[in-house]
Amino acid sequence: MPHLDGEYQNEQEVHEMYAIIETGGKQIKVEDGMEIFVEKLDAQEGETVTFDKVLYVDGKIGHPFVEGATVTGTVEKQGKGQKITIVKYKPKKSSTRRKQGHRQPYTKVKITAIQA
């Protein structure tokens, strides 16, 4: 049975250290060396970014965040996602038709370090 104090170790399973971070309103599981796509960040290509909203790292669960834990990464690319089409239509006598497109901006980040 897991301990309720926020720390849980299972001696039978050995995994590389991973963390769960919160960015852009989403929770993402990351490992060292992993490349992730997140909502657009205000950083140039090649810059280092630090995520301090760490929800879980090395068996420690935050309430809501783990104190002192950070995940560091390097921005590799700024870009836009695939285009989606939004169509609005009212089937009455009025000729209300609207077509709109959207491309969500994103940032590609390579995780370089996880500090617990």
C-alpha atoms as a PDB file:
ATOM      1  CA  MET A   1       0.000   0.000   0.000  1.00  0.00           C
ATOM      2  CA  PRO A   2       1.444   3.423  -0.892  1.00  0.00           C
ATOM      3  CA  HIS A   3       2.419   5.882   1.783  1.00  0.00           C
ATOM      4  CA  LEU A   4       0.153   8.899   2.035  1.00  0.00           C
ATOM      5  CA  ASP A   5       2.952  11.361   2.803  1.00  0.00           C
ATOM      6  CA  GLY A   6       3.686  11.996  -0.891  1.00  0.00           C
ATOM      7  CA  GLU A   7       6.588   9.575  -1.319  1.00  0.00           C
ATOM      8  CA  TYR A   8       6.254   6.108  -2.800  1.00  0.00           C
ATOM      9  CA  GLN A   9       9.060   3.748  -3.741  1.00  0.00           C
ATOM     10  CA  ASN A  10       8.571   0.369  -5.361  1.00  0.00           C
ATOM     11  CA  GLU A  11      11.766  -1.682  -5.047  1.00  0.00           C
ATOM     12  CA  GLN A  12      10.752  -4.159  -7.760  1.00  0.00           C
ATOM     13  CA  GLU A  13      10.468  -1.621 -10.569  1.00  0.00           C
ATOM     14  CA  VAL A  14      13.441   0.482 -11.624  1.00  0.00           C
ATOM     15  CA  HIS A  15      12.719   3.275 -14.109  1.00  0.00           C
ATOM     16  CA  GLU A  16      14.564   6.307 -15.313  1.00  0.00           C
ATOM     17  CA  MET A  17      13.569   9.468 -13.510  1.00  0.00           C
ATOM     18  CA  TYR A  18      10.597  11.241 -15.041  1.00  0.00           C
ATOM     19  CA  ALA A  19       8.513  14.221 -14.072  1.00  0.00           C
ATOM     20  CA  ILE A  20       5.031  15.537 -14.755  1.00  0.00           C
ATOM     21  CA  ILE A  21       4.977  19.254 -15.494  1.00  0.00           C
ATOM     22  CA  GLU A  22       2.177  21.730 -16.075  1.00  0.00           C
ATOM     23  CA  THR A  23       2.475  24.176 -18.955  1.00  0.00           C
ATOM     24  CA  GLY A  24      -0.117  25.874 -21.115  1.00  0.00           C
ATOM     25  CA  GLY A  25      -2.943  24.430 -19.009  1.00  0.00           C
ATOM     26  CA  LYS A  26      -1.848  20.862 -19.783  1.00  0.00           C
ATOM     27  CA  GLN A  27       0.036  18.196 -17.848  1.00  0.00           C
ATOM     28  CA  ILE A  28       2.917  16.502 -19.669  1.00  0.00           C
ATOM     29  CA  LYS A  29       5.053  13.519 -18.635  1.00  0.00           C
ATOM     30  CA  VAL A  30       8.706  14.242 -19.497  1.00  0.00           C
ATOM     31  CA  GLU A  31      12.004  12.365 -19.301  1.00  0.00           C
ATOM     32  CA  ASP A  32      15.577  13.521 -19.832  1.00  0.00           C
ATOM     33  CA  GLY A  33      16.372  13.894 -23.549  1.00  0.00           C
ATOM     34  CA  MET A  34      12.705  13.885 -24.594  1.00  0.00           C
ATOM     35  CA  GLU A  35      11.315  16.324 -27.189  1.00  0.00           C
ATOM     36  CA  ILE A  36       7.894  17.798 -26.400  1.00  0.00           C
ATOM     37  CA  PHE A  37       5.483  20.187 -28.102  1.00  0.00           C
ATOM     38  CA  VAL A  38       3.932  22.780 -25.765  1.00  0.00           C
ATOM     39  CA  GLU A  39       1.770  25.869 -26.164  1.00  0.00           C
ATOM     40  CA  LYS A  40       3.755  28.826 -27.523  1.00  0.00           C
ATOM     41  CA  LEU A  41       6.388  30.176 -25.133  1.00  0.00           C
ATOM     42  CA  ASP A  42       8.014  33.619 -25.303  1.00  0.00           C
ATOM     43  CA  ALA A  43      11.522  32.342 -26.039  1.00  0.00           C
ATOM     44  CA  GLN A  44      13.789  32.309 -29.072  1.00  0.00           C
ATOM     45  CA  GLU A  45      15.307  29.196 -30.643  1.00  0.00           C
ATOM     46  CA  GLY A  46      18.340  28.020 -28.680  1.00  0.00           C
ATOM     47  CA  GLU A  47      17.256  29.676 -25.410  1.00  0.00           C
ATOM     48  CA  THR A  48      16.931  27.714 -22.180  1.00  0.00           C
ATOM     49  CA  VAL A  49      13.515  27.506 -20.520  1.00  0.00           C
ATOM     50  CA  THR A  50      12.753  26.334 -16.986  1.00  0.00           C
ATOM     51  CA  PHE A  51       9.477  24.748 -15.926  1.00  0.00           C
ATOM     52  CA  ASP A  52       8.932  25.172 -12.180  1.00  0.00           C
ATOM     53  CA  LYS A  53       5.355  23.871 -12.018  1.00  0.00           C
ATOM     54  CA  VAL A  54       6.372  20.260 -11.369  1.00  0.00           C
ATOM     55  CA  LEU A  55       3.500  18.060 -10.158  1.00  0.00           C
ATOM     56  CA  TYR A  56       5.480  14.816  -9.736  1.00  0.00           C
ATOM     57  CA  VAL A  57       9.170  13.934  -9.738  1.00  0.00           C
ATOM     58  CA  ASP A  58      11.190  10.967  -8.438  1.00  0.00           C
ATOM     59  CA  GLY A  59       8.364   9.512  -6.334  1.00  0.00           C
ATOM     60  CA  LYS A  60       7.368  12.852  -4.795  1.00  0.00           C
ATOM     61  CA  ILE A  61       3.853  14.147  -5.390  1.00  0.00           C
ATOM     62  CA  GLY A  62       3.320  17.881  -5.012  1.00  0.00           C
ATOM     63  CA  HIS A  63       0.507  19.629  -3.188  1.00  0.00           C
ATOM     64  CA  PRO A  64      -0.032  21.106  -5.814  1.00  0.00           C
ATOM     65  CA  PHE A  65       3.645  21.466  -6.887  1.00  0.00           C
ATOM     66  CA  VAL A  66       6.877  19.855  -5.660  1.00  0.00           C
ATOM     67  CA  GLU A  67       8.940  22.545  -3.920  1.00  0.00           C
ATOM     68  CA  GLY A  68      12.416  23.117  -5.330  1.00  0.00           C
ATOM     69  CA  ALA A  69      11.892  20.833  -8.335  1.00  0.00           C
ATOM     70  CA  THR A  70      12.565  22.183 -11.826  1.00  0.00           C
ATOM     71  CA  VAL A  71      12.695  20.829 -15.355  1.00  0.00           C
ATOM     72  CA  THR A  72      15.054  22.542 -17.796  1.00  0.00           C
ATOM     73  CA  GLY A  73      14.879  22.425 -21.576  1.00  0.00           C
ATOM     74  CA  THR A  74      16.152  24.082 -24.738  1.00  0.00           C
ATOM     75  CA  VAL A  75      13.835  25.638 -27.323  1.00  0.00           C
ATOM     76  CA  GLU A  76      14.418  23.905 -30.654  1.00  0.00           C
ATOM     77  CA  LYS A  77      11.667  25.367 -32.819  1.00  0.00           C
ATOM     78  CA  GLN A  78       8.740  27.780 -32.908  1.00  0.00           C
ATOM     79  CA  GLY A  79       5.986  26.819 -35.316  1.00  0.00           C
ATOM     80  CA  LYS A  80       2.316  26.471 -36.165  1.00  0.00           C
ATOM     81  CA  GLY A  81       0.204  23.337 -36.145  1.00  0.00           C
ATOM     82  CA  GLN A  82      -1.912  21.919 -38.914  1.00  0.00           C
ATOM     83  CA  LYS A  83      -4.731  24.145 -40.189  1.00  0.00           C
ATOM     84  CA  ILE A  84      -8.259  23.360 -39.043  1.00  0.00           C
ATOM     85  CA  THR A  85     -11.436  24.733 -40.627  1.00  0.00           C
ATOM     86  CA  ILE A  86     -14.381  26.094 -38.646  1.00  0.00           C
ATOM     87  CA  VAL A  87     -17.733  26.392 -40.454  1.00  0.00           C
ATOM     88  CA  LYS A  88     -20.795  28.129 -38.975  1.00  0.00           C
ATOM     89  CA  TYR A  89     -24.161  27.925 -40.717  1.00  0.00           C
ATOM     90  CA  LYS A  90     -27.744  28.879 -39.845  1.00  0.00           C
ATOM     91  CA  PRO A  91     -30.283  26.982 -41.959  1.00  0.00           C
ATOM     92  CA  LYS A  92     -32.985  29.640 -42.026  1.00  0.00           C
ATOM     93  CA  LYS A  93     -33.983  32.196 -44.597  1.00  0.00           C
ATOM     94  CA  SER A  94     -30.993  34.302 -43.649  1.00  0.00           C
ATOM     95  CA  SER A  95     -27.839  33.545 -45.547  1.00  0.00           C
ATOM     96  CA  THR A  96     -25.572  33.253 -42.527  1.00  0.00           C
ATOM     97  CA  ARG A  97     -22.527  31.265 -43.518  1.00  0.00           C
ATOM     98  CA  ARG A  98     -19.063  31.703 -42.115  1.00  0.00           C
ATOM     99  CA  LYS A  99     -15.843  29.824 -42.812  1.00  0.00           C
ATOM    100  CA  GLN A 100     -12.756  30.392 -40.720  1.00  0.00           C
ATOM    101  CA  GLY A 101      -9.358  28.720 -40.341  1.00  0.00           C
ATOM    102  CA  HIS A 102      -6.983  28.407 -37.389  1.00  0.00           C
ATOM    103  CA  ARG A 103      -3.396  27.246 -36.864  1.00  0.00           C
ATOM    104  CA  GLN A 104      -2.334  26.791 -33.237  1.00  0.00           C
ATOM    105  CA  PRO A 105       1.181  28.099 -32.477  1.00  0.00           C
ATOM    106  CA  TYR A 106       3.513  25.747 -30.593  1.00  0.00           C
ATOM    107  CA  THR A 107       7.048  25.510 -29.232  1.00  0.00           C
ATOM    108  CA  LYS A 108       9.220  22.405 -29.548  1.00  0.00           C
ATOM    109  CA  VAL A 109      11.375  21.904 -26.426  1.00  0.00           C
ATOM    110  CA  LYS A 110      14.091  19.308 -25.763  1.00  0.00           C
ATOM    111  CA  ILE A 111      14.329  18.388 -22.070  1.00  0.00           C
ATOM    112  CA  THR A 112      17.927  18.635 -20.830  1.00  0.00           C
ATOM    113  CA  ALA A 113      17.694  18.184 -17.048  1.00  0.00           C
ATOM    114  CA  ILE A 114      15.314  17.218 -14.251  1.00  0.00           C
ATOM    115  CA  GLN A 115      16.190  18.431 -10.743  1.00  0.00           C
ATOM    116  CA  ALA A 116      14.271  16.942  -7.847  1.00  0.00           C
END
